[in-house]
């Protein structure tokens, strides 16, 4: 098994280099080039250009026709990093704030180890995917013929979880990530002087009432046994402190765990927005866009993934009962096509001085991947491959 110290310094250097050179979805040219070059140096067959910047490395051994796929994502987020350590982002306004630099490194490390040891019988496809952060890179990879060109019986993926301690791996059956939809609203009022609001129709007031009313979707329209999150994250209006604007714009995200609830919310939200706007004397144009579906782990595949994880962190370190995350993940598209398992790898720990590390929330301007879990993630993928394709 891959030990904690095998190639750790090299893995860390890879990961920090990816962190310092983040690239947005479908623009991961440098990252994809490095990934392809390393896979080729390990002796894998490499295919590039899927969905633009996607890379697939294929490693075959023995005579079995069994095959699995393991996926990592490569893209970063459009946000400014506020860390000042040596490997901070060199690309202004772009940051690896979700750990994709670590995901890429762990899968590269596993490919290197498996290519060197070849303790399996079958085929492993290492998928390095673009544009997970809102760009549906997984969907585009599939549409580009991923599973026709690289057939497999099951797919595995993982993300780092700052809410779990180092040494914990979750492999839960059923729904593990929420559907992720987007709602955009343009509110049309009638502009005027801020001192004479009675002569105007204030779209800011209408927008504020809409933001509050949307919370009644979760509390009054959905069963308490179901889950839904409605978050308006952008509210733009006006150009001056004393002018009631003509229009206001809202944009937010909607997260649900089941298809029926997703369907209901998609119907209810535009109706509610229109009614509240009219009550305020304004008009609202609402665009509701379906995003990623929920990630649903196949029960049998999750059980096998849990066994592989136990060989890395011990049975006490494996969780199979964690509640679903309301975060969206385009791994959902793979799970719709093949029996799949999406795992969580704990990364919250302490450094040699006892200071917390790996605990910063995902999508935070001070986030950084915890390099201590690079060998754990790599060992997990080695264990999955060797178990699923046991000689």
Protein backbone atom coordinates (compact mmCIF):
# COMPACT_ATOMS: atom_id res chain seq x y z
CA UNK A 1 0.00 0.00 0.00
CA UNK A 2 1.09 3.57 -0.63
CA UNK A 3 2.49 4.86 2.66
CA UNK A 4 2.22 8.37 4.06
CA UNK A 5 5.82 9.23 3.18
CA UNK A 6 6.08 7.77 -0.33
CA UNK A 7 6.98 10.61 -2.66
CA UNK A 8 5.26 13.07 -0.26
CA UNK A 9 7.62 15.96 -0.93
CA UNK A 10 7.13 15.53 -4.67
CA UNK A 11 3.34 15.26 -4.34
CA UNK A 12 3.30 18.45 -2.27
CA UNK A 13 5.38 20.30 -4.85
CA UNK A 14 2.98 19.22 -7.61
CA UNK A 15 -0.05 20.32 -5.63
CA UNK A 16 1.40 23.70 -4.70
CA UNK A 17 2.42 24.35 -8.28
CA UNK A 18 -1.17 23.68 -9.40
CA UNK A 19 -2.38 25.98 -6.62
CA UNK A 20 -0.08 28.79 -7.73
CA UNK A 21 -1.27 28.53 -11.36
CA UNK A 22 -5.08 28.17 -11.20
CA UNK A 23 -7.16 28.16 -14.36
CA UNK A 24 -10.89 28.59 -14.91
CA UNK A 25 -13.17 25.99 -16.47
CA UNK A 26 -12.33 25.02 -20.06
CA UNK A 27 -9.15 27.13 -19.78
CA UNK A 28 -7.06 24.54 -17.90
CA UNK A 29 -4.42 24.40 -20.63
CA UNK A 30 -1.33 24.50 -18.41
CA UNK A 31 -2.82 22.07 -15.90
CA UNK A 32 -3.95 19.63 -18.59
CA UNK A 33 -0.55 19.78 -20.27
CA UNK A 34 1.25 18.95 -17.02
CA UNK A 35 -1.20 16.15 -16.24
CA UNK A 36 -0.78 14.61 -19.68
CA UNK A 37 3.02 14.83 -19.53
CA UNK A 38 3.17 13.17 -16.13
CA UNK A 39 0.80 10.38 -17.13
CA UNK A 40 2.88 9.71 -20.22
CA UNK A 41 6.05 9.62 -18.10
CA UNK A 42 4.40 6.94 -15.93
CA UNK A 43 3.77 4.83 -19.03
CA UNK A 44 0.02 5.38 -19.45
CA UNK A 45 -1.80 5.78 -22.73
CA UNK A 46 -2.99 9.40 -22.75
CA UNK A 47 -5.89 11.04 -24.56
CA UNK A 48 -6.24 14.83 -24.52
CA UNK A 49 -8.77 17.36 -25.74
CA UNK A 50 -11.98 15.78 -24.42
CA UNK A 51 -14.47 18.59 -23.83
CA UNK A 52 -11.65 20.95 -24.77
CA UNK A 53 -9.16 20.46 -21.94
CA UNK A 54 -10.09 17.07 -20.50
CA UNK A 55 -7.43 14.37 -20.15
CA UNK A 56 -7.84 10.60 -19.74
CA UNK A 57 -4.96 8.33 -18.84
CA UNK A 58 -5.46 4.60 -19.37
CA UNK A 59 -3.48 1.89 -17.58
CA UNK A 60 -3.98 -1.74 -18.55
CA UNK A 61 -2.55 -4.82 -16.89
CA UNK A 62 -3.26 -8.52 -17.24
CA UNK A 63 -5.98 -10.08 -19.39
CA UNK A 64 -9.24 -9.18 -17.64
CA UNK A 65 -11.85 -7.10 -19.46
CA UNK A 66 -12.92 -5.44 -16.20
CA UNK A 67 -12.47 -1.67 -16.07
CA UNK A 68 -13.06 1.17 -13.63
CA UNK A 69 -12.74 4.94 -13.89
CA UNK A 70 -11.53 7.40 -11.24
CA UNK A 71 -12.17 11.10 -11.69
CA UNK A 72 -10.46 14.30 -10.58
CA UNK A 73 -11.41 17.89 -11.47
CA UNK A 74 -8.87 20.52 -12.55
CA UNK A 75 -10.58 23.94 -12.63
CA UNK A 76 -10.39 26.82 -10.17
CA UNK A 77 -12.81 29.55 -9.09
CA UNK A 78 -13.13 33.19 -10.24
CA UNK A 79 -12.20 34.74 -6.88
CA UNK A 80 -9.25 36.62 -5.45
CA UNK A 81 -7.03 34.68 -3.04
CA UNK A 82 -6.09 36.42 0.22
CA UNK A 83 -3.42 33.97 1.39
CA UNK A 84 0.18 35.20 1.48
CA UNK A 85 2.07 31.89 1.65
CA UNK A 86 4.65 31.05 -0.98
CA UNK A 87 2.36 29.05 -3.26
CA UNK A 88 -0.49 31.58 -3.40
CA UNK A 89 -2.25 32.16 -6.71
CA UNK A 90 -0.21 34.03 -9.30
CA UNK A 91 -3.28 34.57 -11.48
CA UNK A 92 -5.22 37.57 -10.24
CA UNK A 93 -8.90 36.91 -9.65
CA UNK A 94 -8.53 33.11 -9.94
CA UNK A 95 -8.02 30.74 -7.03
CA UNK A 96 -8.05 27.05 -6.16
CA UNK A 97 -10.52 27.46 -3.31
CA UNK A 98 -12.17 24.04 -3.51
CA UNK A 99 -9.26 21.60 -3.53
CA UNK A 100 -9.20 20.63 -7.19
CA UNK A 101 -5.43 21.10 -7.11
CA UNK A 102 -5.33 18.37 -4.47
CA UNK A 103 -7.79 16.12 -6.30
CA UNK A 104 -5.62 16.28 -9.42
CA UNK A 105 -2.45 15.56 -7.45
CA UNK A 106 -3.91 12.58 -5.58
CA UNK A 107 -5.07 10.94 -8.78
CA UNK A 108 -1.70 11.55 -10.46
CA UNK A 109 0.02 10.00 -7.45
CA UNK A 110 -2.22 6.94 -7.63
CA UNK A 111 -1.55 6.57 -11.35
CA UNK A 112 2.18 6.69 -10.70
CA UNK A 113 2.00 4.02 -8.00
CA UNK A 114 -0.29 1.69 -9.95
CA UNK A 115 1.87 2.01 -13.05
CA UNK A 116 4.92 1.04 -10.99
CA UNK A 117 3.37 -1.86 -9.06
CA UNK A 118 0.67 -3.20 -11.45
CA UNK A 119 -0.99 -5.22 -8.71
CA UNK A 120 -4.30 -5.48 -10.57
CA UNK A 121 -5.87 -7.28 -13.52
CA UNK A 122 -7.89 -5.07 -15.85
CA UNK A 123 -8.04 -1.41 -16.87
CA UNK A 124 -8.06 1.84 -14.91
CA UNK A 125 -9.12 5.04 -16.66
CA UNK A 126 -7.89 8.17 -14.86
CA UNK A 127 -10.27 11.02 -15.76
CA UNK A 128 -9.02 14.58 -15.35
CA UNK A 129 -12.04 16.71 -16.02
CA UNK A 130 -12.44 20.43 -16.77
CA UNK A 131 -15.08 22.84 -15.52
CA UNK A 132 -16.67 21.23 -12.48
CA UNK A 133 -17.35 24.68 -10.98
CA UNK A 134 -20.57 25.46 -12.81
CA UNK A 135 -19.42 24.48 -16.29
CA UNK A 136 -20.79 20.92 -16.29
CA UNK A 137 -17.49 19.51 -17.50
CA UNK A 138 -18.58 15.98 -16.62
CA UNK A 139 -21.63 16.28 -18.85
CA UNK A 140 -19.52 17.54 -21.74
CA UNK A 141 -16.99 14.73 -21.25
CA UNK A 142 -19.81 12.20 -21.48
CA UNK A 143 -21.29 13.92 -24.52
CA UNK A 144 -17.85 13.75 -26.13
CA UNK A 145 -18.03 9.96 -25.93
CA UNK A 146 -16.19 9.32 -22.66
CA UNK A 147 -17.82 5.99 -21.87
CA UNK A 148 -17.84 4.79 -25.47
CA UNK A 149 -14.12 5.47 -25.81
CA UNK A 150 -13.22 4.40 -22.29
CA UNK A 151 -15.76 1.75 -21.24
CA UNK A 152 -15.94 0.89 -17.55
CA UNK A 153 -18.20 -0.86 -15.08
CA UNK A 154 -18.02 1.75 -12.31
CA UNK A 155 -16.80 5.29 -11.56
CA UNK A 156 -15.27 6.72 -8.38
CA UNK A 157 -14.55 10.27 -7.28
CA UNK A 158 -13.91 12.24 -4.09
CA UNK A 159 -13.53 15.67 -2.62
CA UNK A 160 -11.71 16.95 0.42
CA UNK A 161 -13.94 17.86 3.35
CA UNK A 162 -12.81 20.54 5.86
CA UNK A 163 -15.59 19.39 8.21
CA UNK A 164 -14.06 15.93 8.64
CA UNK A 165 -10.82 15.15 10.46
CA UNK A 166 -7.76 13.79 8.72
CA UNK A 167 -8.06 10.01 8.75
CA UNK A 168 -11.82 9.96 8.12
CA UNK A 169 -13.27 8.87 4.77
CA UNK A 170 -16.99 8.89 4.01
CA UNK A 171 -18.48 6.38 1.56
CA UNK A 172 -22.21 6.72 2.10
CA UNK A 173 -24.93 5.12 -0.06
CA UNK A 174 -27.74 7.13 -1.62
CA UNK A 175 -27.85 10.90 -2.14
CA UNK A 176 -24.62 12.60 -1.05
CA UNK A 177 -24.80 15.96 -2.87
CA UNK A 178 -27.70 18.21 -3.75
CA UNK A 179 -29.08 19.34 -7.08
CA UNK A 180 -27.87 22.84 -7.88
CA UNK A 181 -30.15 25.24 -9.79
CA UNK A 182 -29.88 28.97 -10.50
CA UNK A 183 -32.55 31.66 -10.28
CA UNK A 184 -32.11 35.10 -11.87
CA UNK A 185 -34.62 37.94 -11.50
CA UNK A 186 -34.98 41.35 -13.13
CA UNK A 187 -37.40 43.60 -11.27
CA UNK A 188 -38.85 46.52 -13.20
CA UNK A 189 -40.16 49.44 -11.20
CA UNK A 190 -40.40 53.18 -11.85
CA UNK A 191 -37.48 55.34 -10.92
CA UNK A 192 -37.73 58.59 -9.05
CA UNK A 193 -36.38 60.88 -6.36
CA UNK A 194 -35.52 59.17 -3.08
CA UNK A 195 -37.29 61.98 -1.19
CA UNK A 196 -40.58 61.25 -3.03
CA UNK A 197 -40.94 57.45 -3.05
CA UNK A 198 -44.72 57.72 -3.44
CA UNK A 199 -44.13 58.94 -7.00
CA UNK A 200 -41.99 55.90 -7.86
CA UNK A 201 -42.22 52.12 -7.76
CA UNK A 202 -39.20 51.01 -5.77
CA UNK A 203 -37.61 47.83 -7.20
CA UNK A 204 -35.24 47.66 -4.21
CA UNK A 205 -38.19 47.33 -1.84
CA UNK A 206 -39.79 44.74 -4.13
CA UNK A 207 -36.51 42.83 -4.33
CA UNK A 208 -36.10 42.86 -0.57
CA UNK A 209 -39.59 41.45 -0.12
CA UNK A 210 -38.83 38.77 -2.71
CA UNK A 211 -35.67 37.72 -0.88
CA UNK A 212 -37.61 37.31 2.35
CA UNK A 213 -40.59 35.63 0.72
CA UNK A 214 -38.37 33.03 -0.96
CA UNK A 215 -37.50 31.64 2.46
CA UNK A 216 -41.14 30.62 2.84
CA UNK A 217 -40.56 28.04 0.09
CA UNK A 218 -38.54 25.95 2.52
CA UNK A 219 -40.66 26.64 5.58
CA UNK A 220 -44.17 26.48 4.10
CA UNK A 221 -44.17 24.83 0.67
CA UNK A 222 -41.83 21.87 1.23
CA UNK A 223 -42.29 19.02 3.68
CA UNK A 224 -40.17 19.37 6.83
CA UNK A 225 -38.84 15.90 6.02
CA UNK A 226 -37.30 17.20 2.79
CA UNK A 227 -34.45 19.66 2.32
CA UNK A 228 -34.20 22.81 0.25
CA UNK A 229 -31.85 25.79 0.39
CA UNK A 230 -32.68 29.06 -1.40
CA UNK A 231 -29.87 31.63 -1.21
CA UNK A 232 -29.95 34.97 -3.04
CA UNK A 233 -26.28 35.85 -3.36
CA UNK A 234 -26.35 38.86 -5.69
CA UNK A 235 -28.57 41.95 -5.36
CA UNK A 236 -27.71 44.83 -7.69
CA UNK A 237 -29.60 48.10 -8.03
CA UNK A 238 -29.05 51.82 -8.37
CA UNK A 239 -26.21 54.22 -9.08
CA UNK A 240 -26.68 56.95 -6.47
CA UNK A 241 -27.68 57.25 -2.81
CA UNK A 242 -30.63 59.55 -3.54
CA UNK A 243 -32.13 57.97 -6.67
CA UNK A 244 -34.74 55.24 -6.65
CA UNK A 245 -33.59 53.04 -9.54
CA UNK A 246 -35.67 51.84 -12.44
CA UNK A 247 -34.60 48.20 -12.08
CA UNK A 248 -33.01 45.73 -9.68
CA UNK A 249 -31.40 42.37 -10.32
CA UNK A 250 -31.26 39.34 -8.07
CA UNK A 251 -29.40 36.08 -8.56
CA UNK A 252 -29.08 33.04 -6.37
CA UNK A 253 -28.87 29.30 -6.03
CA UNK A 254 -31.41 26.63 -5.13
CA UNK A 255 -30.34 23.29 -3.65
CA UNK A 256 -32.55 20.20 -3.32
CA UNK A 257 -31.92 16.51 -2.67
CA UNK A 258 -34.63 14.78 -4.70
CA UNK A 259 -36.07 15.16 -8.19
CA UNK A 260 -39.69 15.68 -6.99
CA UNK A 261 -38.65 18.50 -4.67
CA UNK A 262 -36.48 19.99 -7.41
CA UNK A 263 -39.48 19.95 -9.77
CA UNK A 264 -41.78 21.54 -7.19
CA UNK A 265 -39.36 24.31 -6.30
CA UNK A 266 -38.71 25.08 -9.97
CA UNK A 267 -42.46 25.65 -10.39
CA UNK A 268 -43.11 27.52 -7.14
CA UNK A 269 -40.26 30.03 -7.17
CA UNK A 270 -41.18 31.93 -10.38
CA UNK A 271 -44.83 32.08 -9.28
CA UNK A 272 -43.94 33.47 -5.86
CA UNK A 273 -41.55 36.04 -7.32
CA UNK A 274 -44.15 37.28 -9.80
CA UNK A 275 -46.86 37.59 -7.15
CA UNK A 276 -44.65 39.46 -4.66
CA UNK A 277 -43.44 41.87 -7.36
CA UNK A 278 -47.00 42.64 -8.46
CA UNK A 279 -48.04 43.24 -4.86
CA UNK A 280 -45.34 45.92 -4.72
CA UNK A 281 -46.52 47.46 -7.99
CA UNK A 282 -43.52 46.17 -9.93
CA UNK A 283 -42.93 43.54 -12.59
CA UNK A 284 -40.50 40.64 -12.42
CA UNK A 285 -38.86 38.61 -15.15
CA UNK A 286 -37.61 35.33 -13.69
CA UNK A 287 -35.22 32.87 -15.27
CA UNK A 288 -34.93 29.50 -13.53
CA UNK A 289 -32.12 27.31 -14.84
CA UNK A 290 -31.74 23.66 -13.93
CA UNK A 291 -28.19 22.86 -12.92
CA UNK A 292 -26.47 19.74 -11.68
CA UNK A 293 -28.70 16.84 -10.59
CA UNK A 294 -28.19 15.26 -7.14
CA UNK A 295 -25.23 12.93 -6.71
CA UNK A 296 -26.66 9.51 -5.84
CA UNK A 297 -24.20 6.80 -4.83
CA UNK A 298 -24.97 3.26 -5.87
CA UNK A 299 -25.35 1.26 -2.63
CA UNK A 300 -23.26 -1.74 -3.71
CA UNK A 301 -20.51 0.45 -5.16
CA UNK A 302 -20.44 2.58 -2.01
CA UNK A 303 -20.12 -0.55 0.14
CA UNK A 304 -17.12 -1.71 -1.88
CA UNK A 305 -15.58 1.77 -1.70
CA UNK A 306 -15.99 1.66 2.07
CA UNK A 307 -14.05 -1.62 2.17
CA UNK A 308 -11.23 -0.08 0.15
CA UNK A 309 -11.21 2.99 2.41
CA UNK A 310 -11.01 0.77 5.50
CA UNK A 311 -7.78 -0.74 4.16
CA UNK A 312 -6.32 2.78 4.18
CA UNK A 313 -7.68 4.41 7.36
CA UNK A 314 -9.05 1.42 9.27
CA UNK A 315 -12.67 0.51 9.82
CA UNK A 316 -13.04 3.12 12.57
CA UNK A 317 -12.08 5.82 10.07
CA UNK A 318 -14.82 5.01 7.57
CA UNK A 319 -18.22 6.70 7.74
CA UNK A 320 -21.22 5.36 5.84
CA UNK A 321 -23.91 7.45 7.53
CA UNK A 322 -23.04 11.10 6.90
CA UNK A 323 -25.95 13.33 5.85
CA UNK A 324 -25.92 14.66 2.31
CA UNK A 325 -24.09 17.86 1.53
CA UNK A 326 -26.18 20.68 0.05
CA UNK A 327 -23.25 21.49 -2.19
CA UNK A 328 -23.65 20.65 -5.88
CA UNK A 329 -21.27 18.41 -7.83
CA UNK A 330 -21.22 17.51 -11.49
CA UNK A 331 -20.00 14.01 -10.61
CA UNK A 332 -23.78 13.48 -10.65
CA UNK A 333 -23.62 13.02 -14.42
CA UNK A 334 -21.24 10.06 -14.10
CA UNK A 335 -23.53 8.52 -11.49
CA UNK A 336 -26.44 8.73 -13.93
CA UNK A 337 -24.45 6.67 -16.45
CA UNK A 338 -22.60 4.07 -14.33
CA UNK A 339 -22.75 2.62 -10.80
CA UNK A 340 -20.69 5.17 -8.90
CA UNK A 341 -19.46 6.30 -5.52
CA UNK A 342 -18.47 9.84 -4.59
CA UNK A 343 -16.47 9.91 -1.34
CA UNK A 344 -15.37 12.57 1.12
CA UNK A 345 -11.83 12.66 2.49
CA UNK A 346 -11.37 14.47 5.79
CA UNK A 347 -8.73 17.21 5.75
CA UNK A 348 -9.15 19.05 9.06
CA UNK A 349 -6.03 18.57 11.18
CA UNK A 350 -3.20 20.30 13.01
CA UNK A 351 0.33 21.16 12.01
CA UNK A 352 3.51 20.38 13.94
CA UNK A 353 2.85 23.40 16.18
CA UNK A 354 -0.67 22.31 17.01
CA UNK A 355 -2.29 24.96 14.83
CA UNK A 356 -5.41 24.08 12.87
CA UNK A 357 -4.93 23.40 9.18
CA UNK A 358 -7.27 22.25 6.44
CA UNK A 359 -10.27 23.63 8.33
CA UNK A 360 -11.02 26.69 6.22
CA UNK A 361 -14.37 26.37 4.40
CA UNK A 362 -14.47 25.55 0.71
CA UNK A 363 -14.83 28.62 -1.56
CA UNK A 364 -13.20 30.83 1.09
CA UNK A 365 -10.58 33.39 0.07
CA UNK A 366 -8.17 31.92 2.66
CA UNK A 367 -8.76 28.27 1.81
CA UNK A 368 -5.86 25.91 1.13
CA UNK A 369 -5.74 22.16 0.57
CA UNK A 370 -4.14 20.17 3.39
CA UNK A 371 -1.12 18.42 1.86
CA UNK A 372 -1.11 15.88 4.71
CA UNK A 373 -3.97 14.02 3.01
CA UNK A 374 -2.28 13.65 -0.37
CA UNK A 375 -0.94 10.17 0.50
CA UNK A 376 -4.33 9.21 1.98
CA UNK A 377 -6.20 10.13 -1.17
CA UNK A 378 -3.62 8.47 -3.41
CA UNK A 379 -3.69 5.32 -1.26
CA UNK A 380 -7.49 5.30 -1.43
CA UNK A 381 -7.46 5.24 -5.24
CA UNK A 382 -4.76 2.55 -5.26
CA UNK A 383 -6.86 0.46 -2.86
CA UNK A 384 -10.00 0.94 -4.97
CA UNK A 385 -8.22 -0.12 -8.15
CA UNK A 386 -6.52 -3.14 -6.59
CA UNK A 387 -9.75 -4.25 -4.94
CA UNK A 388 -12.05 -3.76 -7.92
CA UNK A 389 -9.55 -5.35 -10.30
CA UNK A 390 -8.04 -7.93 -7.99
CA UNK A 391 -5.74 -10.32 -9.79
